[in-house]
Amino acid sequence: MVYINDWDAFFHESEKLYLEHPAHTRYTLKYRHTDGKVVLKVTNDRVCLQFVTDQATDLKRIERLNNLFFTYMCGQDPHDSEADAADAGSRGDRPVSQEESGTSKKRRGKR
């Protein structure tokens, strides 16, 4: 099988393939311990895209592709969720811890 050497080409072609056929597209990630390589495969049984790497620096890129597919498969637009995440962080909507609320649990001493 033929592997795509350019990460950007693989990323954009994978996203395009999923958007064209979301119900038939599969994404697999396989680590081959004997070679120390990670193989990514996106296919819809007609088109097969593969990327192989042995570089640790590509892990951030792989994580970005995973997040993209996870958000698409959950039925959300990943580009909208990035904007929502930035807004949520700036608004300060976060749960209040016990230390900040002033309440604390009673502690029992050793008996």
PDB file of N, CA and C in Angstrom:
ATOM      1  N   MET A   1       0.837  -1.177   0.000  1.00  0.00           N
ATOM      2  CA  MET A   1       0.000   0.000   0.000  1.00  0.00           C
ATOM      3  C   MET A   1       0.880   1.239   0.000  1.00  0.00           C
ATOM      4  N   VAL A   2       0.347   2.286  -0.554  1.00  0.00           N
ATOM      5  CA  VAL A   2       1.090   3.527  -0.707  1.00  0.00           C
ATOM      6  C   VAL A   2       0.812   4.433   0.492  1.00  0.00           C
ATOM      7  N   TYR A   3       1.862   5.033   1.011  1.00  0.00           N
ATOM      8  CA  TYR A   3       1.751   5.961   2.127  1.00  0.00           C
ATOM      9  C   TYR A   3       1.912   7.389   1.621  1.00  0.00           C
ATOM     10  N   ILE A   4       1.176   8.316   2.231  1.00  0.00           N
ATOM     11  CA  ILE A   4       1.335   9.734   1.924  1.00  0.00           C
ATOM     12  C   ILE A   4       2.467  10.257   2.792  1.00  0.00           C
ATOM     13  N   ASN A   5       3.429  10.930   2.187  1.00  0.00           N
ATOM     14  CA  ASN A   5       4.608  11.398   2.918  1.00  0.00           C
ATOM     15  C   ASN A   5       4.398  12.750   3.584  1.00  0.00           C
ATOM     16  N   ASP A   6       3.530  13.586   3.047  1.00  0.00           N
ATOM     17  CA  ASP A   6       3.316  14.936   3.559  1.00  0.00           C
ATOM     18  C   ASP A   6       2.159  14.931   4.557  1.00  0.00           C
ATOM     19  N   TRP A   7       2.413  15.400   5.795  1.00  0.00           N
ATOM     20  CA  TRP A   7       1.381  15.392   6.827  1.00  0.00           C
ATOM     21  C   TRP A   7       0.214  16.295   6.470  1.00  0.00           C
ATOM     22  N   ASP A   8       0.484  17.499   5.982  1.00  0.00           N
ATOM     23  CA  ASP A   8      -0.597  18.433   5.663  1.00  0.00           C
ATOM     24  C   ASP A   8      -1.519  17.862   4.589  1.00  0.00           C
ATOM     25  N   ALA A   9      -0.947  17.222   3.585  1.00  0.00           N
ATOM     26  CA  ALA A   9      -1.759  16.607   2.530  1.00  0.00           C
ATOM     27  C   ALA A   9      -2.617  15.483   3.112  1.00  0.00           C
ATOM     28  N   PHE A  10      -2.030  14.666   3.980  1.00  0.00           N
ATOM     29  CA  PHE A  10      -2.787  13.577   4.606  1.00  0.00           C
ATOM     30  C   PHE A  10      -3.912  14.126   5.473  1.00  0.00           C
ATOM     31  N   PHE A  11      -3.626  15.155   6.248  1.00  0.00           N
ATOM     32  CA  PHE A  11      -4.618  15.745   7.148  1.00  0.00           C
ATOM     33  C   PHE A  11      -5.810  16.288   6.365  1.00  0.00           C
ATOM     34  N   HIS A  12      -5.538  17.079   5.333  1.00  0.00           N
ATOM     35  CA  HIS A  12      -6.622  17.706   4.573  1.00  0.00           C
ATOM     36  C   HIS A  12      -7.393  16.683   3.735  1.00  0.00           C
ATOM     37  N   GLU A  13      -6.707  15.716   3.158  1.00  0.00           N
ATOM     38  CA  GLU A  13      -7.392  14.682   2.377  1.00  0.00           C
ATOM     39  C   GLU A  13      -8.245  13.790   3.285  1.00  0.00           C
ATOM     40  N   SER A  14      -7.774  13.521   4.492  1.00  0.00           N
ATOM     41  CA  SER A  14      -8.541  12.712   5.440  1.00  0.00           C
ATOM     42  C   SER A  14      -9.815  13.433   5.858  1.00  0.00           C
ATOM     43  N   GLU A  15      -9.687  14.712   6.167  1.00  0.00           N
ATOM     44  CA  GLU A  15     -10.862  15.495   6.545  1.00  0.00           C
ATOM     45  C   GLU A  15     -11.852  15.567   5.389  1.00  0.00           C
ATOM     46  N   LYS A  16     -11.346  15.780   4.193  1.00  0.00           N
ATOM     47  CA  LYS A  16     -12.199  15.855   3.001  1.00  0.00           C
ATOM     48  C   LYS A  16     -12.920  14.527   2.764  1.00  0.00           C
ATOM     49  N   LEU A  17     -12.207  13.418   2.909  1.00  0.00           N
ATOM     50  CA  LEU A  17     -12.800  12.098   2.716  1.00  0.00           C
ATOM     51  C   LEU A  17     -13.908  11.846   3.731  1.00  0.00           C
ATOM     52  N   TYR A  18     -13.679  12.230   4.988  1.00  0.00           N
ATOM     53  CA  TYR A  18     -14.706  12.028   6.009  1.00  0.00           C
ATOM     54  C   TYR A  18     -15.927  12.894   5.742  1.00  0.00           C
ATOM     55  N   LEU A  19     -15.721  14.133   5.350  1.00  0.00           N
ATOM     56  CA  LEU A  19     -16.851  15.024   5.105  1.00  0.00           C
ATOM     57  C   LEU A  19     -17.683  14.573   3.906  1.00  0.00           C
ATOM     58  N   GLU A  20     -17.063  13.930   2.927  1.00  0.00           N
ATOM     59  CA  GLU A  20     -17.799  13.441   1.762  1.00  0.00           C
ATOM     60  C   GLU A  20     -18.621  12.198   2.093  1.00  0.00           C
ATOM     61  N   HIS A  21     -18.087  11.298   2.913  1.00  0.00           N
ATOM     62  CA  HIS A  21     -18.755  10.035   3.243  1.00  0.00           C
ATOM     63  C   HIS A  21     -18.645   9.748   4.741  1.00  0.00           C
ATOM     64  N   PRO A  22     -19.350  10.483   5.593  1.00  0.00           N
ATOM     65  CA  PRO A  22     -19.172  10.287   7.039  1.00  0.00           C
ATOM     66  C   PRO A  22     -19.654   8.930   7.556  1.00  0.00           C
ATOM     67  N   ALA A  23     -20.644   8.333   6.913  1.00  0.00           N
ATOM     68  CA  ALA A  23     -21.177   7.063   7.407  1.00  0.00           C
ATOM     69  C   ALA A  23     -20.302   5.870   7.024  1.00  0.00           C
ATOM     70  N   HIS A  24     -19.461   6.024   6.010  1.00  0.00           N
ATOM     71  CA  HIS A  24     -18.671   4.899   5.517  1.00  0.00           C
ATOM     72  C   HIS A  24     -17.178   5.031   5.789  1.00  0.00           C
ATOM     73  N   THR A  25     -16.752   6.123   6.373  1.00  0.00           N
ATOM     74  CA  THR A  25     -15.321   6.361   6.571  1.00  0.00           C
ATOM     75  C   THR A  25     -14.873   5.802   7.919  1.00  0.00           C
ATOM     76  N   ARG A  26     -13.746   5.106   7.901  1.00  0.00           N
ATOM     77  CA  ARG A  26     -13.145   4.559   9.120  1.00  0.00           C
ATOM     78  C   ARG A  26     -11.758   5.163   9.306  1.00  0.00           C
ATOM     79  N   TYR A  27     -11.394   5.323  10.572  1.00  0.00           N
ATOM     80  CA  TYR A  27     -10.084   5.881  10.926  1.00  0.00           C
ATOM     81  C   TYR A  27      -9.434   4.923  11.912  1.00  0.00           C
ATOM     82  N   THR A  28      -8.245   4.455  11.579  1.00  0.00           N
ATOM     83  CA  THR A  28      -7.541   3.547  12.487  1.00  0.00           C
ATOM     84  C   THR A  28      -6.140   4.074  12.763  1.00  0.00           C
ATOM     85  N   LEU A  29      -5.671   3.773  13.949  1.00  0.00           N
ATOM     86  CA  LEU A  29      -4.331   4.136  14.379  1.00  0.00           C
ATOM     87  C   LEU A  29      -3.696   2.866  14.931  1.00  0.00           C
ATOM     88  N   LYS A  30      -2.527   2.530  14.425  1.00  0.00           N
ATOM     89  CA  LYS A  30      -1.870   1.293  14.850  1.00  0.00           C
ATOM     90  C   LYS A  30      -0.404   1.592  15.157  1.00  0.00           C
ATOM     91  N   TYR A  31       0.054   1.104  16.297  1.00  0.00           N
ATOM     92  CA  TYR A  31       1.460   1.240  16.673  1.00  0.00           C
ATOM     93  C   TYR A  31       2.139  -0.098  16.455  1.00  0.00           C
ATOM     94  N   ARG A  32       3.196  -0.102  15.653  1.00  0.00           N
ATOM     95  CA  ARG A  32       3.971  -1.317  15.408  1.00  0.00           C
ATOM     96  C   ARG A  32       5.225  -1.261  16.276  1.00  0.00           C
ATOM     97  N   HIS A  33       5.220  -2.049  17.331  1.00  0.00           N
ATOM     98  CA  HIS A  33       6.303  -2.006  18.311  1.00  0.00           C
ATOM     99  C   HIS A  33       7.630  -2.477  17.721  1.00  0.00           C
ATOM    100  N   THR A  34       7.582  -3.443  16.825  1.00  0.00           N
ATOM    101  CA  THR A  34       8.827  -3.977  16.259  1.00  0.00           C
ATOM    102  C   THR A  34       9.580  -2.922  15.459  1.00  0.00           C
ATOM    103  N   ASP A  35       8.844  -2.049  14.770  1.00  0.00           N
ATOM    104  CA  ASP A  35       9.469  -0.994  13.978  1.00  0.00           C
ATOM    105  C   ASP A  35       9.534   0.331  14.725  1.00  0.00           C
ATOM    106  N   GLY A  36       8.714   0.473  15.769  1.00  0.00           N
ATOM    107  CA  GLY A  36       8.625   1.745  16.472  1.00  0.00           C
ATOM    108  C   GLY A  36       7.919   2.794  15.634  1.00  0.00           C
ATOM    109  N   LYS A  37       6.933   2.374  14.844  1.00  0.00           N
ATOM    110  CA  LYS A  37       6.235   3.287  13.942  1.00  0.00           C
ATOM    111  C   LYS A  37       4.750   3.321  14.253  1.00  0.00           C
ATOM    112  N   VAL A  38       4.145   4.460  13.956  1.00  0.00           N
ATOM    113  CA  VAL A  38       2.704   4.640  14.075  1.00  0.00           C
ATOM    114  C   VAL A  38       2.142   4.732  12.663  1.00  0.00           C
ATOM    115  N   VAL A  39       1.098   3.953  12.396  1.00  0.00           N
ATOM    116  CA  VAL A  39       0.459   3.950  11.081  1.00  0.00           C
ATOM    117  C   VAL A  39      -0.961   4.470  11.243  1.00  0.00           C
ATOM    118  N   LEU A  40      -1.298   5.519  10.507  1.00  0.00           N
ATOM    119  CA  LEU A  40      -2.645   6.083  10.484  1.00  0.00           C
ATOM    120  C   LEU A  40      -3.294   5.699   9.168  1.00  0.00           C
ATOM    121  N   LYS A  41      -4.549   5.296   9.230  1.00  0.00           N
ATOM    122  CA  LYS A  41      -5.245   4.869   8.023  1.00  0.00           C
ATOM    123  C   LYS A  41      -6.658   5.422   8.045  1.00  0.00           C
ATOM    124  N   VAL A  42      -7.056   6.084   6.955  1.00  0.00           N
ATOM    125  CA  VAL A  42      -8.409   6.589   6.776  1.00  0.00           C
ATOM    126  C   VAL A  42      -8.916   5.997   5.473  1.00  0.00           C
ATOM    127  N   THR A  43     -10.048   5.300   5.542  1.00  0.00           N
ATOM    128  CA  THR A  43     -10.565   4.637   4.346  1.00  0.00           C
ATOM    129  C   THR A  43     -12.086   4.637   4.337  1.00  0.00           C
ATOM    130  N   ASN A  44     -12.644   4.581   3.131  1.00  0.00           N
ATOM    131  CA  ASN A  44     -14.080   4.385   2.957  1.00  0.00           C
ATOM    132  C   ASN A  44     -14.328   3.191   2.037  1.00  0.00           C
ATOM    133  N   ASP A  45     -13.407   2.268   1.944  1.00  0.00           N
ATOM    134  CA  ASP A  45     -13.408   1.056   1.127  1.00  0.00           C
ATOM    135  C   ASP A  45     -13.209   1.320  -0.359  1.00  0.00           C
ATOM    136  N   ARG A  46     -13.143   2.548  -0.770  1.00  0.00           N
ATOM    137  CA  ARG A  46     -12.822   2.875  -2.163  1.00  0.00           C
ATOM    138  C   ARG A  46     -11.516   3.646  -2.238  1.00  0.00           C
ATOM    139  N   VAL A  47     -11.341   4.547  -1.284  1.00  0.00           N
ATOM    140  CA  VAL A  47     -10.121   5.347  -1.195  1.00  0.00           C
ATOM    141  C   VAL A  47      -9.458   5.015   0.133  1.00  0.00           C
ATOM    142  N   CYS A  48      -8.163   4.757   0.097  1.00  0.00           N
ATOM    143  CA  CYS A  48      -7.414   4.423   1.304  1.00  0.00           C
ATOM    144  C   CYS A  48      -6.243   5.392   1.432  1.00  0.00           C
ATOM    145  N   LEU A  49      -6.229   6.161   2.519  1.00  0.00           N
ATOM    146  CA  LEU A  49      -5.149   7.104   2.794  1.00  0.00           C
ATOM    147  C   LEU A  49      -4.360   6.580   3.985  1.00  0.00           C
ATOM    148  N   GLN A  50      -3.027   6.538   3.852  1.00  0.00           N
ATOM    149  CA  GLN A  50      -2.190   6.054   4.942  1.00  0.00           C
ATOM    150  C   GLN A  50      -1.020   6.999   5.166  1.00  0.00           C
ATOM    151  N   PHE A  51      -0.635   7.103   6.444  1.00  0.00           N
ATOM    152  CA  PHE A  51       0.513   7.912   6.835  1.00  0.00           C
ATOM    153  C   PHE A  51       1.279   7.123   7.884  1.00  0.00           C
ATOM    154  N   VAL A  52       2.590   7.081   7.750  1.00  0.00           N
ATOM    155  CA  VAL A  52       3.421   6.362   8.714  1.00  0.00           C
ATOM    156  C   VAL A  52       4.500   7.310   9.237  1.00  0.00           C
ATOM    157  N   THR A  53       4.775   7.213  10.545  1.00  0.00           N
ATOM    158  CA  THR A  53       5.809   8.054  11.141  1.00  0.00           C
ATOM    159  C   THR A  53       6.485   7.301  12.282  1.00  0.00           C
ATOM    160  N   ASP A  54       7.722   7.688  12.536  1.00  0.00           N
ATOM    161  CA  ASP A  54       8.443   7.157  13.691  1.00  0.00           C
ATOM    162  C   ASP A  54       8.984   8.300  14.547  1.00  0.00           C
ATOM    163  N   GLN A  55       8.511   9.507  14.298  1.00  0.00           N
ATOM    164  CA  GLN A  55       8.977  10.695  15.002  1.00  0.00           C
ATOM    165  C   GLN A  55       8.056  11.025  16.174  1.00  0.00           C
ATOM    166  N   ALA A  56       8.639  11.308  17.310  1.00  0.00           N
ATOM    167  CA  ALA A  56       7.856  11.681  18.489  1.00  0.00           C
ATOM    168  C   ALA A  56       7.232  13.063  18.325  1.00  0.00           C
ATOM    169  N   THR A  57       7.809  13.893  17.467  1.00  0.00           N
ATOM    170  CA  THR A  57       7.273  15.240  17.263  1.00  0.00           C
ATOM    171  C   THR A  57       5.935  15.220  16.536  1.00  0.00           C
ATOM    172  N   ASP A  58       5.609  14.125  15.867  1.00  0.00           N
ATOM    173  CA  ASP A  58       4.341  14.022  15.144  1.00  0.00           C
ATOM    174  C   ASP A  58       3.172  13.669  16.059  1.00  0.00           C
ATOM    175  N   LEU A  59       3.421  13.415  17.329  1.00  0.00           N
ATOM    176  CA  LEU A  59       2.337  13.041  18.236  1.00  0.00           C
ATOM    177  C   LEU A  59       1.318  14.162  18.413  1.00  0.00           C
ATOM    178  N   LYS A  60       1.761  15.403  18.445  1.00  0.00           N
ATOM    179  CA  LYS A  60       0.830  16.531  18.556  1.00  0.00           C
ATOM    180  C   LYS A  60      -0.064  16.602  17.322  1.00  0.00           C
ATOM    181  N   ARG A  61       0.500  16.335  16.167  1.00  0.00           N
ATOM    182  CA  ARG A  61      -0.284  16.341  14.929  1.00  0.00           C
ATOM    183  C   ARG A  61      -1.319  15.221  14.945  1.00  0.00           C
ATOM    184  N   ILE A  62      -0.910  14.049  15.416  1.00  0.00           N
ATOM    185  CA  ILE A  62      -1.824  12.912  15.489  1.00  0.00           C
ATOM    186  C   ILE A  62      -2.949  13.214  16.472  1.00  0.00           C
ATOM    187  N   GLU A  63      -2.613  13.844  17.593  1.00  0.00           N
ATOM    188  CA  GLU A  63      -3.627  14.217  18.576  1.00  0.00           C
ATOM    189  C   GLU A  63      -4.624  15.210  17.981  1.00  0.00           C
ATOM    190  N   ARG A  64      -4.134  16.126  17.185  1.00  0.00           N
ATOM    191  CA  ARG A  64      -5.013  17.104  16.528  1.00  0.00           C
ATOM    192  C   ARG A  64      -5.976  16.403  15.564  1.00  0.00           C
ATOM    193  N   LEU A  65      -5.478  15.422  14.804  1.00  0.00           N
ATOM    194  CA  LEU A  65      -6.333  14.666  13.889  1.00  0.00           C
ATOM    195  C   LEU A  65      -7.350  13.833  14.667  1.00  0.00           C
ATOM    196  N   ASN A  66      -6.933  13.217  15.773  1.00  0.00           N
ATOM    197  CA  ASN A  66      -7.863  12.462  16.618  1.00  0.00           C
ATOM    198  C   ASN A  66      -8.989  13.356  17.116  1.00  0.00           C
ATOM    199  N   ASN A  67      -8.643  14.526  17.627  1.00  0.00           N
ATOM    200  CA  ASN A  67      -9.653  15.450  18.130  1.00  0.00           C
ATOM    201  C   ASN A  67     -10.605  15.890  17.029  1.00  0.00           C
ATOM    202  N   LEU A  68     -10.077  16.096  15.833  1.00  0.00           N
ATOM    203  CA  LEU A  68     -10.917  16.486  14.706  1.00  0.00           C
ATOM    204  C   LEU A  68     -11.945  15.400  14.400  1.00  0.00           C
ATOM    205  N   PHE A  69     -11.492  14.154  14.303  1.00  0.00           N
ATOM    206  CA  PHE A  69     -12.410  13.061  13.994  1.00  0.00           C
ATOM    207  C   PHE A  69     -13.382  12.803  15.144  1.00  0.00           C
ATOM    208  N   PHE A  70     -12.930  12.925  16.382  1.00  0.00           N
ATOM    209  CA  PHE A  70     -13.828  12.714  17.517  1.00  0.00           C
ATOM    210  C   PHE A  70     -14.964  13.727  17.512  1.00  0.00           C
ATOM    211  N   THR A  71     -14.652  14.982  17.250  1.00  0.00           N
ATOM    212  CA  THR A  71     -15.703  15.995  17.242  1.00  0.00           C
ATOM    213  C   THR A  71     -16.642  15.811  16.059  1.00  0.00           C
ATOM    214  N   TYR A  72     -16.119  15.451  14.899  1.00  0.00           N
ATOM    215  CA  TYR A  72     -16.984  15.170  13.751  1.00  0.00           C
ATOM    216  C   TYR A  72     -17.893  13.980  14.038  1.00  0.00           C
ATOM    217  N   MET A  73     -17.347  12.932  14.644  1.00  0.00           N
ATOM    218  CA  MET A  73     -18.127  11.726  14.887  1.00  0.00           C
ATOM    219  C   MET A  73     -19.161  11.919  15.984  1.00  0.00           C
ATOM    220  N   CYS A  74     -18.985  12.925  16.820  1.00  0.00           N
ATOM    221  CA  CYS A  74     -19.982  13.247  17.842  1.00  0.00           C
ATOM    222  C   CYS A  74     -21.073  14.159  17.299  1.00  0.00           C
ATOM    223  N   GLY A  75     -20.949  14.570  16.053  1.00  0.00           N
ATOM    224  CA  GLY A  75     -21.977  15.394  15.429  1.00  0.00           C
ATOM    225  C   GLY A  75     -21.782  16.877  15.637  1.00  0.00           C
ATOM    226  N   GLN A  76     -20.592  17.299  15.975  1.00  0.00           N
ATOM    227  CA  GLN A  76     -20.318  18.711  16.195  1.00  0.00           C
ATOM    228  C   GLN A  76     -19.353  19.211  15.140  1.00  0.00           C
ATOM    229  N   ASP A  77     -19.347  20.517  14.939  1.00  0.00           N
ATOM    230  CA  ASP A  77     -18.378  21.124  14.035  1.00  0.00           C
ATOM    231  C   ASP A  77     -17.153  21.494  14.865  1.00  0.00           C
ATOM    232  N   PRO A  78     -15.982  20.931  14.557  1.00  0.00           N
ATOM    233  CA  PRO A  78     -14.806  21.194  15.392  1.00  0.00           C
ATOM    234  C   PRO A  78     -14.351  22.639  15.354  1.00  0.00           C
ATOM    235  N   HIS A  79     -14.662  23.346  14.298  1.00  0.00           N
ATOM    236  CA  HIS A  79     -14.242  24.739  14.205  1.00  0.00           C
ATOM    237  C   HIS A  79     -15.092  25.622  15.114  1.00  0.00           C
ATOM    238  N   ASP A  80     -16.358  25.254  15.349  1.00  0.00           N
ATOM    239  CA  ASP A  80     -17.196  25.984  16.287  1.00  0.00           C
ATOM    240  C   ASP A  80     -16.801  25.687  17.723  1.00  0.00           C
ATOM    241  N   SER A  81     -16.407  24.458  18.017  1.00  0.00           N
ATOM    242  CA  SER A  81     -16.057  24.088  19.387  1.00  0.00           C
ATOM    243  C   SER A  81     -14.775  24.768  19.848  1.00  0.00           C
ATOM    244  N   GLU A  82     -13.854  25.065  18.922  1.00  0.00           N
ATOM    245  CA  GLU A  82     -12.636  25.781  19.297  1.00  0.00           C
ATOM    246  C   GLU A  82     -12.971  27.196  19.751  1.00  0.00           C
ATOM    247  N   ALA A  83     -13.913  27.843  19.076  1.00  0.00           N
ATOM    248  CA  ALA A  83     -14.318  29.193  19.459  1.00  0.00           C
ATOM    249  C   ALA A  83     -15.073  29.164  20.781  1.00  0.00           C
ATOM    250  N   ASP A  84     -15.919  28.142  20.989  1.00  0.00           N
ATOM    251  CA  ASP A  84     -16.651  28.016  22.241  1.00  0.00           C
ATOM    252  C   ASP A  84     -15.716  27.778  23.414  1.00  0.00           C
ATOM    253  N   ALA A  85     -14.674  26.994  23.211  1.00  0.00           N
ATOM    254  CA  ALA A  85     -13.716  26.711  24.278  1.00  0.00           C
ATOM    255  C   ALA A  85     -12.962  27.976  24.674  1.00  0.00           C
ATOM    256  N   ALA A  86     -12.640  28.806  23.709  1.00  0.00           N
ATOM    257  CA  ALA A  86     -11.944  30.053  24.007  1.00  0.00           C
ATOM    258  C   ALA A  86     -12.855  30.999  24.781  1.00  0.00           C
ATOM    259  N   ASP A  87     -14.145  31.042  24.434  1.00  0.00           N
ATOM    260  CA  ASP A  87     -15.093  31.893  25.142  1.00  0.00           C
ATOM    261  C   ASP A  87     -15.323  31.404  26.564  1.00  0.00           C
ATOM    262  N   ALA A  88     -15.415  30.101  26.751  1.00  0.00           N
ATOM    263  CA  ALA A  88     -15.662  29.541  28.076  1.00  0.00           C
ATOM    264  C   ALA A  88     -14.494  29.826  29.013  1.00  0.00           C
ATOM    265  N   GLY A  89     -13.285  29.794  28.498  1.00  0.00           N
ATOM    266  CA  GLY A  89     -12.120  30.066  29.327  1.00  0.00           C
ATOM    267  C   GLY A  89     -12.046  31.515  29.760  1.00  0.00           C
ATOM    268  N   SER A  90     -12.510  32.424  28.931  1.00  0.00           N
ATOM    269  CA  SER A  90     -12.436  33.835  29.273  1.00  0.00           C
ATOM    270  C   SER A  90     -13.571  34.261  30.195  1.00  0.00           C
ATOM    271  N   ARG A  91     -14.705  33.557  30.196  1.00  0.00           N
ATOM    272  CA  ARG A  91     -15.835  33.924  31.036  1.00  0.00           C
ATOM    273  C   ARG A  91     -15.625  33.541  32.487  1.00  0.00           C
ATOM    274  N   GLY A  92     -14.817  32.554  32.728  1.00  0.00           N
ATOM    275  CA  GLY A  92     -14.575  32.146  34.103  1.00  0.00           C
ATOM    276  C   GLY A  92     -15.628  31.195  34.639  1.00  0.00           C
ATOM    277  N   ASP A  93     -16.353  30.495  33.784  1.00  0.00           N
ATOM    278  CA  ASP A  93     -17.338  29.516  34.229  1.00  0.00           C
ATOM    279  C   ASP A  93     -16.604  28.264  34.681  1.00  0.00           C
ATOM    280  N   ARG A  94     -16.393  28.173  35.978  1.00  0.00           N
ATOM    281  CA  ARG A  94     -15.721  27.003  36.493  1.00  0.00           C
ATOM    282  C   ARG A  94     -16.310  26.684  37.853  1.00  0.00           C
ATOM    283  N   PRO A  95     -16.262  25.450  38.246  1.00  0.00           N
ATOM    284  CA  PRO A  95     -16.817  25.086  39.547  1.00  0.00           C
ATOM    285  C   PRO A  95     -15.978  25.666  40.679  1.00  0.00           C
ATOM    286  N   VAL A  96     -16.648  25.956  41.759  1.00  0.00           N
ATOM    287  CA  VAL A  96     -15.982  26.527  42.924  1.00  0.00           C
ATOM    288  C   VAL A  96     -15.530  25.390  43.822  1.00  0.00           C
ATOM    289  N   SER A  97     -14.265  25.401  44.220  1.00  0.00           N
ATOM    290  CA  SER A  97     -13.750  24.354  45.097  1.00  0.00           C
ATOM    291  C   SER A  97     -14.159  24.630  46.534  1.00  0.00           C
ATOM    292  N   GLN A  98     -13.968  23.641  47.396  1.00  0.00           N
ATOM    293  CA  GLN A  98     -14.320  23.800  48.800  1.00  0.00           C
ATOM    294  C   GLN A  98     -13.471  24.861  49.472  1.00  0.00           C
ATOM    295  N   GLU A  99     -12.221  24.967  49.050  1.00  0.00           N
ATOM    296  CA  GLU A  99     -11.331  25.941  49.665  1.00  0.00           C
ATOM    297  C   GLU A  99     -11.798  27.364  49.380  1.00  0.00           C
ATOM    298  N   GLU A 100     -12.297  27.607  48.164  1.00  0.00           N
ATOM    299  CA  GLU A 100     -12.738  28.949  47.805  1.00  0.00           C
ATOM    300  C   GLU A 100     -14.096  29.277  48.401  1.00  0.00           C
ATOM    301  N   SER A 101     -14.940  28.273  48.624  1.00  0.00           N
ATOM    302  CA  SER A 101     -16.275  28.537  49.138  1.00  0.00           C
ATOM    303  C   SER A 101     -16.281  28.761  50.647  1.00  0.00           C
ATOM    304  N   GLY A 102     -15.232  28.381  51.327  1.00  0.00           N
ATOM    305  CA  GLY A 102     -15.137  28.615  52.755  1.00  0.00           C
ATOM    306  C   GLY A 102     -15.621  27.450  53.599  1.00  0.00           C
ATOM    307  N   THR A 103     -16.201  26.444  52.991  1.00  0.00           N
ATOM    308  CA  THR A 103     -16.648  25.283  53.754  1.00  0.00           C
ATOM    309  C   THR A 103     -15.566  24.223  53.713  1.00  0.00           C
ATOM    310  N   SER A 104     -15.488  23.484  54.777  1.00  0.00           N
ATOM    311  CA  SER A 104     -14.502  22.406  54.813  1.00  0.00           C
ATOM    312  C   SER A 104     -15.100  21.215  55.544  1.00  0.00           C
ATOM    313  N   LYS A 105     -14.519  20.076  55.320  1.00  0.00           N
ATOM    314  CA  LYS A 105     -14.979  18.866  55.985  1.00  0.00           C
ATOM    315  C   LYS A 105     -14.358  18.792  57.376  1.00  0.00           C
ATOM    316  N   LYS A 106     -15.108  18.211  58.294  1.00  0.00           N
ATOM    317  CA  LYS A 106     -14.555  17.993  59.622  1.00  0.00           C
ATOM    318  C   LYS A 106     -13.580  16.844  59.543  1.00  0.00           C
ATOM    319  N   ARG A 107     -12.485  17.005  60.191  1.00  0.00           N
ATOM    320  CA  ARG A 107     -11.469  15.964  60.195  1.00  0.00           C
ATOM    321  C   ARG A 107     -11.455  15.277  61.543  1.00  0.00           C
ATOM    322  N   ARG A 108     -11.377  13.996  61.492  1.00  0.00           N
ATOM    323  CA  ARG A 108     -11.276  13.232  62.729  1.00  0.00           C
ATOM    324  C   ARG A 108      -9.821  12.975  63.036  1.00  0.00           C
ATOM    325  N   GLY A 109      -9.484  13.090  64.258  1.00  0.00           N
ATOM    326  CA  GLY A 109      -8.126  12.800  64.678  1.00  0.00           C
ATOM    327  C   GLY A 109      -7.955  11.309  64.927  1.00  0.00           C
ATOM    328  N   LYS A 110      -6.729  10.908  65.188  1.00  0.00           N
ATOM    329  CA  LYS A 110      -6.470   9.504  65.506  1.00  0.00           C
ATOM    330  C   LYS A 110      -7.037   9.178  66.869  1.00  0.00           C
ATOM    331  N   ARG A 111      -7.589   8.022  66.968  1.00  0.00           N
ATOM    332  CA  ARG A 111      -8.133   7.601  68.259  1.00  0.00           C
ATOM    333  C   ARG A 111      -7.375   6.436  68.775  1.00  0.00           C
TER     334      ARG A 111
END
